[in-house]
């Protein structure tokens, strides 16, 4: 006999999976964007220090 999962449980699982995917993608994009931003700031800062010497 096959066990049937209720509609509420199925919708909750789908919603959780979608939210987890969106959270993971947005955090990946945010981390890589911030990393690039701070790399550029560090590079500009060090270039300015080198030009002073």
Protein backbone atom coordinates (compact mmCIF):
# COMPACT_ATOMS: atom_id res chain seq x y z
CA UNK A 1 0.00 0.00 0.00
CA UNK A 2 1.31 3.40 -0.96
CA UNK A 3 1.51 6.16 1.64
CA UNK A 4 -0.04 9.44 0.46
CA UNK A 5 1.47 12.72 1.57
CA UNK A 6 -1.02 15.51 2.23
CA UNK A 7 -1.23 18.57 0.02
CA UNK A 8 -0.07 20.84 2.85
CA UNK A 9 3.05 18.75 3.39
CA UNK A 10 3.87 18.70 -0.33
CA UNK A 11 3.39 22.45 -0.66
CA UNK A 12 5.51 23.07 2.44
CA UNK A 13 8.33 20.93 1.05
CA UNK A 14 8.21 22.69 -2.32
CA UNK A 15 8.14 26.11 -0.67
CA UNK A 16 11.08 25.18 1.58
CA UNK A 17 13.12 23.91 -1.36
CA UNK A 18 12.44 27.05 -3.40
CA UNK A 19 13.25 29.36 -0.49
CA UNK A 20 16.47 27.49 0.25
CA UNK A 21 17.54 27.76 -3.39
CA UNK A 22 16.76 31.48 -3.53
CA UNK A 23 18.62 32.08 -0.26
CA UNK A 24 21.66 30.13 -1.45
CA UNK A 25 21.82 31.93 -4.81
CA UNK A 26 21.36 35.39 -3.31
CA UNK A 27 24.00 34.78 -0.65
CA UNK A 28 26.44 33.50 -3.29
CA UNK A 29 25.85 36.59 -5.46
CA UNK A 30 26.17 38.94 -2.49
CA UNK A 31 29.40 37.37 -1.22
CA UNK A 32 31.07 37.40 -4.64
CA UNK A 33 29.97 41.00 -5.29
CA UNK A 34 31.26 42.21 -1.93
CA UNK A 35 34.51 40.31 -2.40
CA UNK A 36 35.10 42.05 -5.75
CA UNK A 37 34.23 45.43 -4.28
CA UNK A 38 36.66 45.10 -1.38
CA UNK A 39 39.38 43.74 -3.69
CA UNK A 40 39.05 46.89 -5.81
CA UNK A 41 39.18 49.11 -2.73
CA UNK A 42 42.30 47.36 -1.43
CA UNK A 43 43.97 47.60 -4.85
CA UNK A 44 43.20 51.34 -5.10
CA UNK A 45 44.45 51.93 -1.56
CA UNK A 46 47.71 50.09 -2.18
CA UNK A 47 48.21 51.85 -5.53
CA UNK A 48 47.80 55.20 -3.78
CA UNK A 49 50.34 54.21 -1.12
CA UNK A 50 52.82 53.12 -3.80
CA UNK A 51 52.44 56.42 -5.66
CA UNK A 52 53.23 58.35 -2.47
CA UNK A 53 56.56 56.57 -2.03
